[in-house]
Protein backbone atom coordinates (compact mmCIF):
# COMPACT_ATOMS: atom_id res chain seq x y z
CA MET A 1 0.00 0.00 0.00
CA GLY A 2 1.28 3.47 -0.85
CA GLN A 3 1.44 6.41 1.51
CA PHE A 4 0.01 9.78 0.51
CA THR A 5 0.08 13.22 2.07
CA ILE A 6 -2.98 15.33 1.26
CA ASN A 7 -3.65 18.80 2.64
CA GLY A 8 -7.33 19.46 3.21
CA HIS A 9 -10.10 20.72 5.43
CA GLU A 10 -12.19 17.68 6.47
CA VAL A 11 -12.19 13.89 6.20
CA VAL A 12 -15.25 11.65 5.82
CA ASP A 13 -14.85 7.94 6.54
CA GLY A 14 -17.48 5.98 4.62
CA ASP A 15 -18.38 3.05 2.41
CA VAL A 16 -18.70 2.88 -1.36
CA LYS A 17 -22.28 2.00 -2.36
CA ALA A 18 -23.28 0.33 -5.62
CA THR A 19 -25.36 2.48 -8.00
CA GLY A 20 -26.28 1.29 -11.48
CA ASN A 21 -23.10 0.22 -13.29
CA GLY A 22 -20.83 2.16 -10.91
CA ALA A 23 -20.52 3.18 -7.29
CA HIS A 24 -20.86 6.34 -5.17
CA VAL A 25 -19.28 7.74 -2.05
CA TYR A 26 -21.62 10.10 -0.21
CA VAL A 27 -20.28 13.30 1.32
CA PRO A 28 -22.03 16.14 3.14
CA LYS A 29 -24.27 18.33 0.96
CA ARG A 30 -22.27 21.41 2.00
CA TRP A 31 -19.33 19.97 0.01
CA ARG A 32 -21.23 20.49 -3.26
CA GLY A 33 -19.00 22.28 -5.78
CA ALA A 34 -15.79 21.55 -3.82
CA ASP A 35 -12.77 19.68 -5.20
CA VAL A 36 -12.34 16.32 -3.44
CA LYS A 37 -9.96 13.34 -3.60
CA ILE A 38 -10.99 9.74 -2.98
CA VAL A 39 -8.36 7.29 -1.67
CA ARG A 40 -9.09 3.55 -1.55
CA ILE A 41 -7.63 2.10 1.67
CA SER A 42 -8.68 -1.56 1.34
CA ASP A 43 -9.15 -4.18 -1.36
CA PRO A 44 -12.71 -4.41 -2.74
CA THR A 45 -14.81 -7.39 -1.69
CA ASP A 46 -17.27 -9.18 -3.95
CA GLU A 47 -20.66 -9.18 -2.26
């Protein structure tokens, strides 16, 4: 696993949810229009 340093304002710890042919990560509505970065920290599991 790599190590990354990211400067930012807030962190949300959540799960990726299946949607259609892809997946979503939900963040607070107040983040709308902000630039974000998503970092995967575990291997995906087939459910």
